Amino acid sequence: MTKHWNLFICRKEAGHSQFYVAKKLGISKERYSLKELNKAHFTLPEAKILAELYSMTLDQLFSNEIKIGS
């Protein structure tokens, strides 16, 4: 398993903590951490909230490709 790198990068660039994002999703910080590490799955409603939060499509946010400077 690999970390959701695009999500991690977006969160860091926005200055958001895992606690902040977890609160937006209505889950615990520990549960969010597992999801970001790809040890648990995001639900579709959670993924949509994240895509909106970071102004990305679901495909972009959860892609295995990392784009720098875009």
Protein backbone atom coordinates (compact mmCIF):
# COMPACT_ATOMS: atom_id res chain seq x y z
CA MET A 1 0.00 0.00 0.00
CA THR A 2 1.12 3.53 -0.66
CA LYS A 3 0.17 6.82 0.88
CA HIS A 4 -2.31 9.04 -0.96
CA TRP A 5 0.49 11.43 -1.92
CA ASN A 6 -1.60 13.99 -3.81
CA LEU A 7 -3.97 14.27 -0.86
CA PHE A 8 -1.03 14.56 1.55
CA ILE A 9 0.60 17.27 -0.58
CA CYS A 10 -2.65 19.23 -0.98
CA ARG A 11 -3.29 19.09 2.75
CA LYS A 12 0.22 20.28 3.57
CA GLU A 13 0.16 23.06 0.95
CA ALA A 14 -3.16 24.30 2.35
CA GLY A 15 -1.73 24.28 5.87
CA HIS A 16 -4.38 21.87 7.09
CA SER A 17 -3.76 19.45 9.93
CA GLN A 18 -5.07 15.91 9.89
CA PHE A 19 -7.35 16.96 12.74
CA TYR A 20 -8.82 19.79 10.64
CA VAL A 21 -9.54 17.53 7.67
CA ALA A 22 -10.91 14.78 9.91
CA LYS A 23 -13.31 17.29 11.45
CA LYS A 24 -14.48 18.33 7.96
CA LEU A 25 -15.18 14.64 7.23
CA GLY A 26 -16.83 13.98 10.59
CA ILE A 27 -14.30 11.29 11.57
CA SER A 28 -11.52 11.00 14.14
CA LYS A 29 -8.00 12.19 13.41
CA GLU A 30 -6.79 8.60 13.89
CA ARG A 31 -9.27 7.28 11.33
CA TYR A 32 -8.29 10.00 8.86
CA SER A 33 -4.62 9.14 9.32
CA LEU A 34 -5.32 5.51 8.42
CA LYS A 35 -7.19 6.63 5.30
CA GLU A 36 -4.43 9.01 4.19
CA LEU A 37 -1.92 6.17 4.66
CA ASN A 38 -4.19 3.99 2.49
CA LYS A 39 -4.76 1.54 5.35
CA ALA A 40 -8.50 2.30 5.25
CA HIS A 41 -10.73 3.45 2.42
CA PHE A 42 -12.45 6.79 1.93
CA THR A 43 -16.18 6.67 1.32
CA LEU A 44 -17.47 8.39 -1.81
CA PRO A 45 -19.03 11.24 0.22
CA GLU A 46 -15.70 11.74 2.05
CA ALA A 47 -13.78 11.74 -1.24
CA LYS A 48 -16.16 14.33 -2.70
CA ILE A 49 -15.66 16.60 0.32
CA LEU A 50 -11.89 16.33 -0.08
CA ALA A 51 -12.03 17.01 -3.82
CA GLU A 52 -14.10 20.12 -3.17
CA LEU A 53 -11.89 21.22 -0.28
CA TYR A 54 -8.79 21.06 -2.50
CA SER A 55 -10.46 22.11 -5.78
CA MET A 56 -9.51 18.91 -7.58
CA THR A 57 -11.34 16.13 -9.32
CA LEU A 58 -11.51 12.75 -7.62
CA ASP A 59 -9.20 11.37 -10.33
CA GLN A 60 -6.59 14.07 -9.69
CA LEU A 61 -6.76 13.76 -5.92
CA PHE A 62 -6.45 9.98 -5.83
CA SER A 63 -4.14 9.54 -8.82
CA ASN A 64 -0.85 7.68 -8.45
CA GLU A 65 0.82 10.43 -10.49
CA ILE A 66 2.31 13.38 -8.68
CA LYS A 67 2.45 16.64 -10.61
CA ILE A 68 4.80 19.30 -9.38
CA GLY A 69 4.25 22.97 -10.10
CA SER A 70 0.80 22.67 -11.63
